[in-house]
Protein backbone atom coordinates (compact mmCIF):
# COMPACT_ATOMS: atom_id res chain seq x y z
CA UNK A 1 42.83 135.86 7.01
CA UNK A 2 44.78 134.45 9.65
CA UNK A 3 47.20 137.69 9.66
CA UNK A 4 44.71 139.77 9.62
CA UNK A 5 42.68 137.80 12.64
CA UNK A 6 46.66 138.58 14.41
CA UNK A 7 46.38 142.04 14.15
CA UNK A 8 42.47 142.36 15.24
CA UNK A 9 43.47 141.03 18.27
CA UNK A 10 46.72 143.15 18.81
CA UNK A 11 43.86 146.33 17.75
CA UNK A 12 41.39 144.80 20.12
CA UNK A 13 43.57 144.67 23.18
CA UNK A 14 45.23 148.07 22.86
CA UNK A 15 49.02 145.91 21.78
CA UNK A 16 51.34 147.13 19.73
CA UNK A 17 54.41 145.10 18.25
CA UNK A 18 57.16 145.83 17.00
CA UNK A 19 59.61 143.35 14.70
CA UNK A 20 62.61 143.04 12.30
CA UNK A 21 61.44 140.34 10.04
CA UNK A 22 64.97 139.41 9.07
CA UNK A 23 65.77 138.34 11.98
CA UNK A 24 64.17 135.52 11.83
CA UNK A 25 65.56 132.24 10.18
CA UNK A 26 64.28 128.66 9.21
CA UNK A 27 65.15 127.49 11.88
CA UNK A 28 65.48 128.67 15.33
CA UNK A 29 64.43 128.32 19.34
CA UNK A 30 61.79 131.84 20.69
CA UNK A 31 61.69 132.38 24.38
CA UNK A 32 59.81 135.15 25.14
CA UNK A 33 59.78 137.16 28.68
CA UNK A 34 57.66 138.56 30.07
CA UNK A 35 54.85 135.79 30.63
CA UNK A 36 52.61 137.35 33.42
CA UNK A 37 49.13 136.59 32.22
CA UNK A 38 47.48 133.65 29.80
CA UNK A 39 47.39 136.57 27.24
CA UNK A 40 51.16 136.39 26.58
CA UNK A 41 50.13 133.11 24.90
CA UNK A 42 47.51 134.77 23.05
CA UNK A 43 49.18 137.90 21.87
CA UNK A 44 52.20 135.27 20.91
CA UNK A 45 49.88 133.33 18.62
CA UNK A 46 48.83 136.20 17.01
CA UNK A 47 51.79 137.14 16.29
CA UNK A 48 52.74 133.55 14.68
CA UNK A 49 50.00 134.45 12.25
CA UNK A 50 50.70 137.96 11.68
CA UNK A 51 54.44 136.71 10.50
CA UNK A 52 52.77 133.37 9.35
CA UNK A 53 54.75 131.35 11.22
CA UNK A 54 54.40 127.28 12.19
CA UNK A 55 55.77 126.95 15.42
CA UNK A 56 56.36 123.89 17.78
CA UNK A 57 56.12 124.16 21.07
CA UNK A 58 56.79 121.12 24.26
CA UNK A 59 53.61 119.26 25.67
CA UNK A 60 53.86 116.82 28.14
CA UNK A 61 52.16 113.31 26.03
CA UNK A 62 49.82 113.21 28.54
CA UNK A 63 47.98 116.13 27.18
CA UNK A 64 47.92 114.39 23.68
CA UNK A 65 44.47 112.61 24.73
CA UNK A 66 40.80 112.37 22.77
CA UNK A 67 39.27 115.50 21.42
CA UNK A 68 42.17 117.51 22.88
CA UNK A 69 44.84 115.33 21.07
CA UNK A 70 43.76 116.65 17.45
CA UNK A 71 43.47 120.27 18.47
CA UNK A 72 47.02 120.45 19.86
CA UNK A 73 48.92 119.01 17.01
CA UNK A 74 47.12 121.91 15.21
CA UNK A 75 48.73 124.31 16.60
CA UNK A 76 52.27 122.73 17.28
CA UNK A 77 52.23 120.87 20.04
CA UNK A 78 54.88 118.24 20.59
CA UNK A 79 54.15 115.31 22.59
CA UNK A 80 57.32 114.68 25.33
CA UNK A 81 57.64 111.61 27.26
CA UNK A 82 60.10 113.08 29.45
CA UNK A 83 60.21 109.48 30.89
CA UNK A 84 61.78 108.80 27.20
CA UNK A 85 65.52 107.11 27.34
CA UNK A 86 66.07 109.82 24.71
CA UNK A 87 66.75 113.33 26.85
CA UNK A 88 64.72 115.97 25.29
CA UNK A 89 67.74 117.90 24.20
CA UNK A 90 68.05 115.28 21.52
CA UNK A 91 64.40 114.78 20.56
CA UNK A 92 64.68 118.12 19.35
CA UNK A 93 68.14 117.98 17.49
CA UNK A 94 66.39 115.05 15.41
CA UNK A 95 63.35 117.39 14.88
CA UNK A 96 65.51 120.34 13.34
CA UNK A 97 67.46 117.95 11.49
CA UNK A 98 64.67 116.15 10.05
CA UNK A 99 62.59 119.36 8.67
CA UNK A 100 64.01 122.22 6.44
CA UNK A 101 62.12 125.23 8.34
CA UNK A 102 61.40 124.74 12.53
CA UNK A 103 60.45 127.03 15.22
CA UNK A 104 60.68 125.69 18.86
CA UNK A 105 58.46 128.00 21.08
CA UNK A 106 60.13 127.17 24.81
CA UNK A 107 58.41 129.82 27.94
CA UNK A 108 61.26 129.49 30.18
CA UNK A 109 59.96 128.00 33.30
CA UNK A 110 59.68 130.21 36.17
CA UNK A 111 58.75 133.16 34.55
CA UNK A 112 54.92 134.05 35.82
CA UNK A 113 55.56 134.36 39.64
CA UNK A 114 52.94 136.74 41.09
CA UNK A 115 56.10 138.95 42.73
CA UNK A 116 59.57 139.75 41.06
CA UNK A 117 59.88 137.86 44.93
CA UNK A 118 58.77 134.57 44.03
CA UNK A 119 60.61 134.76 40.76
CA UNK A 120 63.72 131.85 40.47
CA UNK A 121 66.10 132.13 38.35
CA UNK A 122 65.02 130.88 34.26
CA UNK A 123 65.25 127.03 32.96
CA UNK A 124 68.06 126.97 30.46
CA UNK A 125 66.87 124.02 28.10
CA UNK A 126 66.18 126.31 25.30
CA UNK A 127 69.62 127.62 24.72
CA UNK A 128 70.66 123.46 25.29
CA UNK A 129 68.31 122.83 22.67
CA UNK A 130 69.87 125.73 20.29
CA UNK A 131 73.44 124.70 21.02
CA UNK A 132 72.83 121.63 20.50
CA UNK A 133 70.24 121.49 16.93
CA UNK A 134 73.11 125.12 16.20
CA UNK A 135 69.98 127.21 15.77
CA UNK A 136 69.98 130.84 17.01
CA UNK A 137 67.91 132.07 20.19
CA UNK A 138 65.31 133.81 19.20
CA UNK A 139 63.87 136.97 22.00
CA UNK A 140 60.61 137.88 22.07
CA UNK A 141 59.08 140.12 24.72
CA UNK A 142 55.62 141.25 26.03
CA UNK A 143 55.44 144.39 28.51
CA UNK A 144 52.20 144.95 30.36
CA UNK A 145 53.14 148.29 31.06
CA UNK A 146 53.81 149.69 28.03
CA UNK A 147 51.59 147.01 26.10
CA UNK A 148 54.77 146.71 23.46
CA UNK A 149 55.96 143.86 22.22
CA UNK A 150 58.03 142.11 19.49
CA UNK A 151 60.43 140.45 18.47
CA UNK A 152 63.84 142.18 20.25
CA UNK A 153 66.86 140.55 18.60
CA UNK A 154 68.33 136.93 18.22
CA UNK A 155 71.56 135.22 19.45
CA UNK A 156 73.89 132.32 18.29
CA UNK A 157 74.46 129.86 21.59
CA UNK A 158 77.64 129.90 22.55
CA UNK A 159 78.58 130.17 26.55
CA UNK A 160 75.92 129.29 29.25
CA UNK A 161 76.89 132.24 30.97
CA UNK A 162 78.32 135.08 28.78
CA UNK A 163 74.24 134.45 26.55
CA UNK A 164 72.46 134.13 29.37
CA UNK A 165 73.89 137.60 31.01
CA UNK A 166 73.20 138.73 27.15
CA UNK A 167 69.52 138.08 27.08
CA UNK A 168 69.44 139.80 30.16
CA UNK A 169 70.89 142.83 29.02
CA UNK A 170 68.83 142.77 25.88
CA UNK A 171 65.69 142.44 27.93
CA UNK A 172 66.58 145.00 30.53
CA UNK A 173 66.52 147.99 27.74
CA UNK A 174 62.83 146.55 27.47
CA UNK A 175 62.06 147.18 30.67
CA UNK A 176 61.88 143.74 31.74
CA UNK A 177 63.41 142.10 34.22
CA UNK A 178 64.75 138.36 33.42
CA UNK A 179 66.34 137.01 36.34
CA UNK A 180 69.63 134.08 36.08
CA UNK A 181 71.81 132.30 38.45
């Protein structure tokens, strides 16, 4: 039923998706570009339902209060205490190690600026988590100009700068400009 709902969302919005399921692994960090509107989040969640992927994402712990707490947990939210003695990378590595299957979804910061001039280089926390956990980085895309989205590839983190260049080049093939430092 959830798979049908996911496909219906793509059909209703006029978007299409492209995925090679052999790209996916049991443990991975998933990033996505271009993050230009809240529709990207809806389409991403729909795609995860189609692929039957249970996902997790980082959310500041302050939001895990009252009636929002069970909703965020159900959606795979992980409460993150940014003031904790352990850094976020260490916390995420522990979660990867504790689970047989784990999909961590991160939208790198600086991806929702209104114009190209306002955009800052992406943050690299996703890379540090994937490298420390020894898992691949899965590259999702959403191109609002073509109304196409999906998964375009994966990389195994090795050298930060070279990997960022590789990510930039892979997204460029889909008409998406990823700004790196």
